[in-house]
Amino acid sequence: MSSPTVNDKIGDAIRAIDSTRQYKLTVGDIDSIVWLDGKAPISNADIEAKIAEHDAADAQKVTDKASGRAKLQSGESLTAAETEALFG
């Protein structure tokens, strides 16, 4: 699985904030968002905060997966997050 592009992250953040929004985005530039739906723009700060939230959640999944693997190898019980990270 490849890493998401900047455009993917921006688009994911916008959809997480408001899935009805219509916009146009120039490659990798959050300042180039053109809102096409006539609604008030979502602030760059809100988009960046949602990107950071998604990045933190992704990092936690990696941590949970590594922890879960180690626990499986040592015979320890897994947390729900570790189970989800390992087995979906």
PDB file of N, CA and C in Angstrom:
ATOM      1  N   MET A   1       0.847  -1.182   0.000  1.00  0.00           N
ATOM      2  CA  MET A   1       0.000   0.000   0.000  1.00  0.00           C
ATOM      3  C   MET A   1       0.885   1.235   0.000  1.00  0.00           C
ATOM      4  N   SER A   2       0.634   2.158  -0.924  1.00  0.00           N
ATOM      5  CA  SER A   2       1.454   3.354  -1.007  1.00  0.00           C
ATOM      6  C   SER A   2       0.952   4.415  -0.044  1.00  0.00           C
ATOM      7  N   SER A   3       1.849   5.333   0.274  1.00  0.00           N
ATOM      8  CA  SER A   3       1.490   6.422   1.179  1.00  0.00           C
ATOM      9  C   SER A   3       0.567   7.399   0.466  1.00  0.00           C
ATOM     10  N   PRO A   4      -0.371   7.978   1.212  1.00  0.00           N
ATOM     11  CA  PRO A   4      -1.270   8.951   0.589  1.00  0.00           C
ATOM     12  C   PRO A   4      -0.514  10.207   0.184  1.00  0.00           C
ATOM     13  N   THR A   5      -0.940  10.801  -0.913  1.00  0.00           N
ATOM     14  CA  THR A   5      -0.346  12.055  -1.362  1.00  0.00           C
ATOM     15  C   THR A   5      -0.904  13.205  -0.530  1.00  0.00           C
ATOM     16  N   VAL A   6      -0.288  14.370  -0.672  1.00  0.00           N
ATOM     17  CA  VAL A   6      -0.789  15.565   0.017  1.00  0.00           C
ATOM     18  C   VAL A   6      -2.229  15.828  -0.412  1.00  0.00           C
ATOM     19  N   ASN A   7      -2.503  15.686  -1.709  1.00  0.00           N
ATOM     20  CA  ASN A   7      -3.874  15.894  -2.189  1.00  0.00           C
ATOM     21  C   ASN A   7      -4.843  14.899  -1.556  1.00  0.00           C
ATOM     22  N   ASP A   8      -4.418  13.637  -1.419  1.00  0.00           N
ATOM     23  CA  ASP A   8      -5.269  12.630  -0.767  1.00  0.00           C
ATOM     24  C   ASP A   8      -5.587  13.043   0.662  1.00  0.00           C
ATOM     25  N   LYS A   9      -4.564  13.486   1.379  1.00  0.00           N
ATOM     26  CA  LYS A   9      -4.753  13.878   2.778  1.00  0.00           C
ATOM     27  C   LYS A   9      -5.688  15.080   2.891  1.00  0.00           C
ATOM     28  N   ILE A  10      -5.509  16.052   2.013  1.00  0.00           N
ATOM     29  CA  ILE A  10      -6.380  17.230   2.036  1.00  0.00           C
ATOM     30  C   ILE A  10      -7.812  16.824   1.710  1.00  0.00           C
ATOM     31  N   GLY A  11      -7.990  16.020   0.681  1.00  0.00           N
ATOM     32  CA  GLY A  11      -9.325  15.563   0.301  1.00  0.00           C
ATOM     33  C   GLY A  11      -9.989  14.746   1.396  1.00  0.00           C
ATOM     34  N   ASP A  12      -9.228  13.850   2.025  1.00  0.00           N
ATOM     35  CA  ASP A  12      -9.769  13.047   3.129  1.00  0.00           C
ATOM     36  C   ASP A  12     -10.206  13.947   4.284  1.00  0.00           C
ATOM     37  N   ALA A  13      -9.396  14.960   4.574  1.00  0.00           N
ATOM     38  CA  ALA A  13      -9.729  15.875   5.670  1.00  0.00           C
ATOM     39  C   ALA A  13     -11.000  16.659   5.364  1.00  0.00           C
ATOM     40  N   ILE A  14     -11.106  17.163   4.143  1.00  0.00           N
ATOM     41  CA  ILE A  14     -12.308  17.920   3.755  1.00  0.00           C
ATOM     42  C   ILE A  14     -13.538  17.030   3.857  1.00  0.00           C
ATOM     43  N   ARG A  15     -13.455  15.812   3.343  1.00  0.00           N
ATOM     44  CA  ARG A  15     -14.602  14.897   3.401  1.00  0.00           C
ATOM     45  C   ARG A  15     -14.962  14.526   4.840  1.00  0.00           C
ATOM     46  N   ALA A  16     -13.959  14.419   5.698  1.00  0.00           N
ATOM     47  CA  ALA A  16     -14.236  14.103   7.105  1.00  0.00           C
ATOM     48  C   ALA A  16     -14.943  15.265   7.807  1.00  0.00           C
ATOM     49  N   ILE A  17     -14.614  16.475   7.408  1.00  0.00           N
ATOM     50  CA  ILE A  17     -15.251  17.657   7.999  1.00  0.00           C
ATOM     51  C   ILE A  17     -16.660  17.844   7.441  1.00  0.00           C
ATOM     52  N   ASP A  18     -16.786  17.743   6.112  1.00  0.00           N
ATOM     53  CA  ASP A  18     -18.093  17.919   5.464  1.00  0.00           C
ATOM     54  C   ASP A  18     -18.071  17.193   4.125  1.00  0.00           C
ATOM     55  N   SER A  19     -18.693  16.037   4.079  1.00  0.00           N
ATOM     56  CA  SER A  19     -18.641  15.193   2.876  1.00  0.00           C
ATOM     57  C   SER A  19     -19.422  15.762   1.696  1.00  0.00           C
ATOM     58  N   THR A  20     -20.156  16.837   1.895  1.00  0.00           N
ATOM     59  CA  THR A  20     -20.943  17.418   0.807  1.00  0.00           C
ATOM     60  C   THR A  20     -20.198  18.516   0.048  1.00  0.00           C
ATOM     61  N   ARG A  21     -19.019  18.882   0.518  1.00  0.00           N
ATOM     62  CA  ARG A  21     -18.311  20.011  -0.081  1.00  0.00           C
ATOM     63  C   ARG A  21     -17.802  19.688  -1.477  1.00  0.00           C
ATOM     64  N   GLN A  22     -17.831  20.698  -2.333  1.00  0.00           N
ATOM     65  CA  GLN A  22     -17.282  20.597  -3.678  1.00  0.00           C
ATOM     66  C   GLN A  22     -16.163  21.616  -3.785  1.00  0.00           C
ATOM     67  N   TYR A  23     -15.033  21.161  -4.313  1.00  0.00           N
ATOM     68  CA  TYR A  23     -13.857  22.025  -4.366  1.00  0.00           C
ATOM     69  C   TYR A  23     -12.933  21.588  -5.491  1.00  0.00           C
ATOM     70  N   LYS A  24     -11.993  22.451  -5.808  1.00  0.00           N
ATOM     71  CA  LYS A  24     -10.934  22.145  -6.763  1.00  0.00           C
ATOM     72  C   LYS A  24      -9.623  22.428  -6.045  1.00  0.00           C
ATOM     73  N   LEU A  25      -8.626  21.574  -6.272  1.00  0.00           N
ATOM     74  CA  LEU A  25      -7.359  21.691  -5.555  1.00  0.00           C
ATOM     75  C   LEU A  25      -6.207  21.530  -6.533  1.00  0.00           C
ATOM     76  N   THR A  26      -5.259  22.468  -6.477  1.00  0.00           N
ATOM     77  CA  THR A  26      -4.036  22.342  -7.249  1.00  0.00           C
ATOM     78  C   THR A  26      -3.096  21.420  -6.477  1.00  0.00           C
ATOM     79  N   VAL A  27      -2.326  20.644  -7.166  1.00  0.00           N
ATOM     80  CA  VAL A  27      -1.497  19.602  -6.576  1.00  0.00           C
ATOM     81  C   VAL A  27      -0.710  20.095  -5.360  1.00  0.00           C
ATOM     82  N   GLY A  28      -1.027  19.492  -4.205  1.00  0.00           N
ATOM     83  CA  GLY A  28      -0.249  19.685  -3.000  1.00  0.00           C
ATOM     84  C   GLY A  28      -0.263  21.058  -2.366  1.00  0.00           C
ATOM     85  N   ASP A  29      -1.217  21.897  -2.724  1.00  0.00           N
ATOM     86  CA  ASP A  29      -1.213  23.264  -2.200  1.00  0.00           C
ATOM     87  C   ASP A  29      -2.556  23.584  -1.556  1.00  0.00           C
ATOM     88  N   ILE A  30      -2.597  23.515  -0.234  1.00  0.00           N
ATOM     89  CA  ILE A  30      -3.832  23.768   0.506  1.00  0.00           C
ATOM     90  C   ILE A  30      -4.352  25.195   0.261  1.00  0.00           C
ATOM     91  N   ASP A  31      -3.426  26.114  -0.029  1.00  0.00           N
ATOM     92  CA  ASP A  31      -3.838  27.501  -0.272  1.00  0.00           C
ATOM     93  C   ASP A  31      -4.516  27.686  -1.626  1.00  0.00           C
ATOM     94  N   SER A  32      -4.476  26.651  -2.473  1.00  0.00           N
ATOM     95  CA  SER A  32      -5.071  26.774  -3.807  1.00  0.00           C
ATOM     96  C   SER A  32      -6.498  26.239  -3.880  1.00  0.00           C
ATOM     97  N   ILE A  33      -7.066  25.829  -2.731  1.00  0.00           N
ATOM     98  CA  ILE A  33      -8.421  25.277  -2.760  1.00  0.00           C
ATOM     99  C   ILE A  33      -9.392  26.342  -3.250  1.00  0.00           C
ATOM    100  N   VAL A  34     -10.184  25.963  -4.241  1.00  0.00           N
ATOM    101  CA  VAL A  34     -11.263  26.814  -4.736  1.00  0.00           C
ATOM    102  C   VAL A  34     -12.562  26.097  -4.384  1.00  0.00           C
ATOM    103  N   TRP A  35     -13.386  26.743  -3.572  1.00  0.00           N
ATOM    104  CA  TRP A  35     -14.657  26.155  -3.151  1.00  0.00           C
ATOM    105  C   TRP A  35     -15.685  26.416  -4.225  1.00  0.00           C
ATOM    106  N   LEU A  36     -16.335  25.363  -4.693  1.00  0.00           N
ATOM    107  CA  LEU A  36     -17.232  25.452  -5.840  1.00  0.00           C
ATOM    108  C   LEU A  36     -18.706  25.451  -5.471  1.00  0.00           C
ATOM    109  N   ASP A  37     -19.032  25.298  -4.196  1.00  0.00           N
ATOM    110  CA  ASP A  37     -20.424  25.091  -3.818  1.00  0.00           C
ATOM    111  C   ASP A  37     -21.108  26.307  -3.197  1.00  0.00           C
ATOM    112  N   GLY A  38     -20.422  27.430  -3.116  1.00  0.00           N
ATOM    113  CA  GLY A  38     -21.040  28.643  -2.592  1.00  0.00           C
ATOM    114  C   GLY A  38     -21.154  28.714  -1.081  1.00  0.00           C
ATOM    115  N   LYS A  39     -20.707  27.680  -0.380  1.00  0.00           N
ATOM    116  CA  LYS A  39     -20.725  27.686   1.081  1.00  0.00           C
ATOM    117  C   LYS A  39     -19.472  28.396   1.596  1.00  0.00           C
ATOM    118  N   ALA A  40     -19.501  28.781   2.865  1.00  0.00           N
ATOM    119  CA  ALA A  40     -18.320  29.381   3.488  1.00  0.00           C
ATOM    120  C   ALA A  40     -17.169  28.384   3.434  1.00  0.00           C
ATOM    121  N   PRO A  41     -15.977  28.852   3.137  1.00  0.00           N
ATOM    122  CA  PRO A  41     -14.837  27.944   3.055  1.00  0.00           C
ATOM    123  C   PRO A  41     -14.542  27.275   4.394  1.00  0.00           C
ATOM    124  N   ILE A  42     -14.028  26.068   4.325  1.00  0.00           N
ATOM    125  CA  ILE A  42     -13.475  25.421   5.511  1.00  0.00           C
ATOM    126  C   ILE A  42     -12.077  26.013   5.681  1.00  0.00           C
ATOM    127  N   SER A  43     -11.743  26.447   6.873  1.00  0.00           N
ATOM    128  CA  SER A  43     -10.453  27.112   7.083  1.00  0.00           C
ATOM    129  C   SER A  43      -9.301  26.131   6.895  1.00  0.00           C
ATOM    130  N   ASN A  44      -8.179  26.676   6.445  1.00  0.00           N
ATOM    131  CA  ASN A  44      -6.982  25.854   6.307  1.00  0.00           C
ATOM    132  C   ASN A  44      -6.593  25.251   7.653  1.00  0.00           C
ATOM    133  N   ALA A  45      -6.775  26.019   8.733  1.00  0.00           N
ATOM    134  CA  ALA A  45      -6.436  25.512  10.070  1.00  0.00           C
ATOM    135  C   ALA A  45      -7.277  24.290  10.415  1.00  0.00           C
ATOM    136  N   ASP A  46      -8.572  24.322  10.069  1.00  0.00           N
ATOM    137  CA  ASP A  46      -9.431  23.165  10.338  1.00  0.00           C
ATOM    138  C   ASP A  46      -9.009  21.955   9.504  1.00  0.00           C
ATOM    139  N   ILE A  47      -8.651  22.194   8.254  1.00  0.00           N
ATOM    140  CA  ILE A  47      -8.203  21.100   7.382  1.00  0.00           C
ATOM    141  C   ILE A  47      -6.890  20.520   7.907  1.00  0.00           C
ATOM    142  N   GLU A  48      -5.958  21.396   8.270  1.00  0.00           N
ATOM    143  CA  GLU A  48      -4.668  20.936   8.788  1.00  0.00           C
ATOM    144  C   GLU A  48      -4.841  20.171  10.099  1.00  0.00           C
ATOM    145  N   ALA A  49      -5.759  20.611  10.956  1.00  0.00           N
ATOM    146  CA  ALA A  49      -6.019  19.907  12.213  1.00  0.00           C
ATOM    147  C   ALA A  49      -6.574  18.510  11.948  1.00  0.00           C
ATOM    148  N   LYS A  50      -7.467  18.396  10.954  1.00  0.00           N
ATOM    149  CA  LYS A  50      -8.040  17.087  10.627  1.00  0.00           C
ATOM    150  C   LYS A  50      -6.967  16.175  10.025  1.00  0.00           C
ATOM    151  N   ILE A  51      -6.062  16.738   9.215  1.00  0.00           N
ATOM    152  CA  ILE A  51      -4.955  15.950   8.666  1.00  0.00           C
ATOM    153  C   ILE A  51      -4.090  15.426   9.810  1.00  0.00           C
ATOM    154  N   ALA A  52      -3.781  16.292  10.771  1.00  0.00           N
ATOM    155  CA  ALA A  52      -2.970  15.877  11.920  1.00  0.00           C
ATOM    156  C   ALA A  52      -3.676  14.786  12.720  1.00  0.00           C
ATOM    157  N   GLU A  53      -4.990  14.908  12.872  1.00  0.00           N
ATOM    158  CA  GLU A  53      -5.776  13.889  13.576  1.00  0.00           C
ATOM    159  C   GLU A  53      -5.690  12.543  12.856  1.00  0.00           C
ATOM    160  N   HIS A  54      -5.830  12.573  11.533  1.00  0.00           N
ATOM    161  CA  HIS A  54      -5.730  11.341  10.739  1.00  0.00           C
ATOM    162  C   HIS A  54      -4.323  10.750  10.830  1.00  0.00           C
ATOM    163  N   ASP A  55      -3.291  11.617  10.752  1.00  0.00           N
ATOM    164  CA  ASP A  55      -1.910  11.137  10.841  1.00  0.00           C
ATOM    165  C   ASP A  55      -1.647  10.477  12.194  1.00  0.00           C
ATOM    166  N   ALA A  56      -2.177  11.084  13.263  1.00  0.00           N
ATOM    167  CA  ALA A  56      -1.997  10.510  14.602  1.00  0.00           C
ATOM    168  C   ALA A  56      -2.694   9.157  14.707  1.00  0.00           C
ATOM    169  N   ALA A  57      -3.879   9.048  14.137  1.00  0.00           N
ATOM    170  CA  ALA A  57      -4.607   7.774  14.164  1.00  0.00           C
ATOM    171  C   ALA A  57      -3.847   6.708  13.378  1.00  0.00           C
ATOM    172  N   ASP A  58      -3.286   7.095  12.227  1.00  0.00           N
ATOM    173  CA  ASP A  58      -2.496   6.149  11.433  1.00  0.00           C
ATOM    174  C   ASP A  58      -1.256   5.696  12.196  1.00  0.00           C
ATOM    175  N   ALA A  59      -0.591   6.634  12.869  1.00  0.00           N
ATOM    176  CA  ALA A  59       0.599   6.287  13.653  1.00  0.00           C
ATOM    177  C   ALA A  59       0.235   5.353  14.802  1.00  0.00           C
ATOM    178  N   GLN A  60      -0.917   5.582  15.423  1.00  0.00           N
ATOM    179  CA  GLN A  60      -1.354   4.722  16.517  1.00  0.00           C
ATOM    180  C   GLN A  60      -1.630   3.308  16.026  1.00  0.00           C
ATOM    181  N   LYS A  61      -2.179   3.185  14.818  1.00  0.00           N
ATOM    182  CA  LYS A  61      -2.428   1.854  14.252  1.00  0.00           C
ATOM    183  C   LYS A  61      -1.115   1.098  14.057  1.00  0.00           C
ATOM    184  N   VAL A  62      -0.080   1.799  13.606  1.00  0.00           N
ATOM    185  CA  VAL A  62       1.231   1.171  13.421  1.00  0.00           C
ATOM    186  C   VAL A  62       1.772   0.702  14.768  1.00  0.00           C
ATOM    187  N   THR A  63       1.638   1.549  15.781  1.00  0.00           N
ATOM    188  CA  THR A  63       2.092   1.202  17.134  1.00  0.00           C
ATOM    189  C   THR A  63       1.329  -0.007  17.671  1.00  0.00           C
ATOM    190  N   ASP A  64      -0.008   0.021  17.500  1.00  0.00           N
ATOM    191  CA  ASP A  64      -0.830  -1.091  17.978  1.00  0.00           C
ATOM    192  C   ASP A  64      -0.473  -2.397  17.274  1.00  0.00           C
ATOM    193  N   LYS A  65      -0.180  -2.316  15.987  1.00  0.00           N
ATOM    194  CA  LYS A  65       0.170  -3.513  15.228  1.00  0.00           C
ATOM    195  C   LYS A  65       1.482  -4.101  15.736  1.00  0.00           C
ATOM    196  N   ALA A  66       2.471  -3.243  15.954  1.00  0.00           N
ATOM    197  CA  ALA A  66       3.761  -3.718  16.448  1.00  0.00           C
ATOM    198  C   ALA A  66       3.618  -4.302  17.852  1.00  0.00           C
ATOM    199  N   SER A  67       2.863  -3.634  18.698  1.00  0.00           N
ATOM    200  CA  SER A  67       2.641  -4.115  20.053  1.00  0.00           C
ATOM    201  C   SER A  67       1.894  -5.447  20.044  1.00  0.00           C
ATOM    202  N   GLY A  68       0.892  -5.547  19.180  1.00  0.00           N
ATOM    203  CA  GLY A  68       0.119  -6.785  19.078  1.00  0.00           C
ATOM    204  C   GLY A  68       0.969  -7.954  18.626  1.00  0.00           C
ATOM    205  N   ARG A  69       1.840  -7.707  17.661  1.00  0.00           N
ATOM    206  CA  ARG A  69       2.733  -8.780  17.193  1.00  0.00           C
ATOM    207  C   ARG A  69       3.635  -9.261  18.321  1.00  0.00           C
ATOM    208  N   ALA A  70       4.187  -8.312  19.057  1.00  0.00           N
ATOM    209  CA  ALA A  70       5.074  -8.676  20.162  1.00  0.00           C
ATOM    210  C   ALA A  70       4.315  -9.484  21.215  1.00  0.00           C
ATOM    211  N   LYS A  71       3.101  -9.070  21.517  1.00  0.00           N
ATOM    212  CA  LYS A  71       2.305  -9.793  22.512  1.00  0.00           C
ATOM    213  C   LYS A  71       1.941 -11.194  22.028  1.00  0.00           C
ATOM    214  N   LEU A  72       1.600 -11.324  20.749  1.00  0.00           N
ATOM    215  CA  LEU A  72       1.293 -12.658  20.214  1.00  0.00           C
ATOM    216  C   LEU A  72       2.500 -13.578  20.343  1.00  0.00           C
ATOM    217  N   GLN A  73       3.668 -13.023  20.041  1.00  0.00           N
ATOM    218  CA  GLN A  73       4.879 -13.838  20.120  1.00  0.00           C
ATOM    219  C   GLN A  73       5.206 -14.254  21.551  1.00  0.00           C
ATOM    220  N   SER A  74       4.825 -13.431  22.514  1.00  0.00           N
ATOM    221  CA  SER A  74       5.139 -13.752  23.917  1.00  0.00           C
ATOM    222  C   SER A  74       3.969 -14.407  24.647  1.00  0.00           C
ATOM    223  N   GLY A  75       2.832 -14.562  23.955  1.00  0.00           N
ATOM    224  CA  GLY A  75       1.685 -15.228  24.553  1.00  0.00           C
ATOM    225  C   GLY A  75       0.815 -14.343  25.427  1.00  0.00           C
ATOM    226  N   GLU A  76       0.990 -13.026  25.347  1.00  0.00           N
ATOM    227  CA  GLU A  76       0.181 -12.103  26.144  1.00  0.00           C
ATOM    228  C   GLU A  76      -1.158 -11.829  25.464  1.00  0.00           C
ATOM    229  N   SER A  77      -2.104 -11.304  26.234  1.00  0.00           N
ATOM    230  CA  SER A  77      -3.412 -10.917  25.695  1.00  0.00           C
ATOM    231  C   SER A  77      -3.303  -9.606  24.919  1.00  0.00           C
ATOM    232  N   LEU A  78      -4.128  -9.490  23.889  1.00  0.00           N
ATOM    233  CA  LEU A  78      -4.145  -8.286  23.063  1.00  0.00           C
ATOM    234  C   LEU A  78      -5.259  -7.345  23.493  1.00  0.00           C
ATOM    235  N   THR A  79      -5.021  -6.048  23.298  1.00  0.00           N
ATOM    236  CA  THR A  79      -6.099  -5.075  23.472  1.00  0.00           C
ATOM    237  C   THR A  79      -6.968  -5.103  22.223  1.00  0.00           C
ATOM    238  N   ALA A  80      -8.140  -4.492  22.318  1.00  0.00           N
ATOM    239  CA  ALA A  80      -9.027  -4.419  21.160  1.00  0.00           C
ATOM    240  C   ALA A  80      -8.372  -3.665  20.007  1.00  0.00           C
ATOM    241  N   ALA A  81      -7.652  -2.607  20.319  1.00  0.00           N
ATOM    242  CA  ALA A  81      -6.973  -1.818  19.268  1.00  0.00           C
ATOM    243  C   ALA A  81      -5.897  -2.642  18.579  1.00  0.00           C
ATOM    244  N   GLU A  82      -5.165  -3.427  19.356  1.00  0.00           N
ATOM    245  CA  GLU A  82      -4.127  -4.281  18.764  1.00  0.00           C
ATOM    246  C   GLU A  82      -4.737  -5.351  17.874  1.00  0.00           C
ATOM    247  N   THR A  83      -5.853  -5.938  18.334  1.00  0.00           N
ATOM    248  CA  THR A  83      -6.544  -6.952  17.540  1.00  0.00           C
ATOM    249  C   THR A  83      -7.019  -6.350  16.224  1.00  0.00           C
ATOM    250  N   GLU A  84      -7.616  -5.161  16.292  1.00  0.00           N
ATOM    251  CA  GLU A  84      -8.097  -4.477  15.088  1.00  0.00           C
ATOM    252  C   GLU A  84      -6.938  -4.158  14.143  1.00  0.00           C
ATOM    253  N   ALA A  85      -5.832  -3.700  14.686  1.00  0.00           N
ATOM    254  CA  ALA A  85      -4.676  -3.359  13.847  1.00  0.00           C
ATOM    255  C   ALA A  85      -4.109  -4.586  13.151  1.00  0.00           C
ATOM    256  N   LEU A  86      -4.123  -5.708  13.832  1.00  0.00           N
ATOM    257  CA  LEU A  86      -3.563  -6.924  13.250  1.00  0.00           C
ATOM    258  C   LEU A  86      -4.507  -7.646  12.292  1.00  0.00           C
ATOM    259  N   PHE A  87      -5.780  -7.659  12.633  1.00  0.00           N
ATOM    260  CA  PHE A  87      -6.705  -8.510  11.887  1.00  0.00           C
ATOM    261  C   PHE A  87      -7.841  -7.776  11.189  1.00  0.00           C
ATOM    262  N   GLY A  88      -7.893  -6.466  11.347  1.00  0.00           N
ATOM    263  CA  GLY A  88      -8.907  -5.671  10.670  1.00  0.00           C
ATOM    264  C   GLY A  88     -10.236  -5.667  11.218  1.00  0.00           C
TER     265      GLY A  88
END
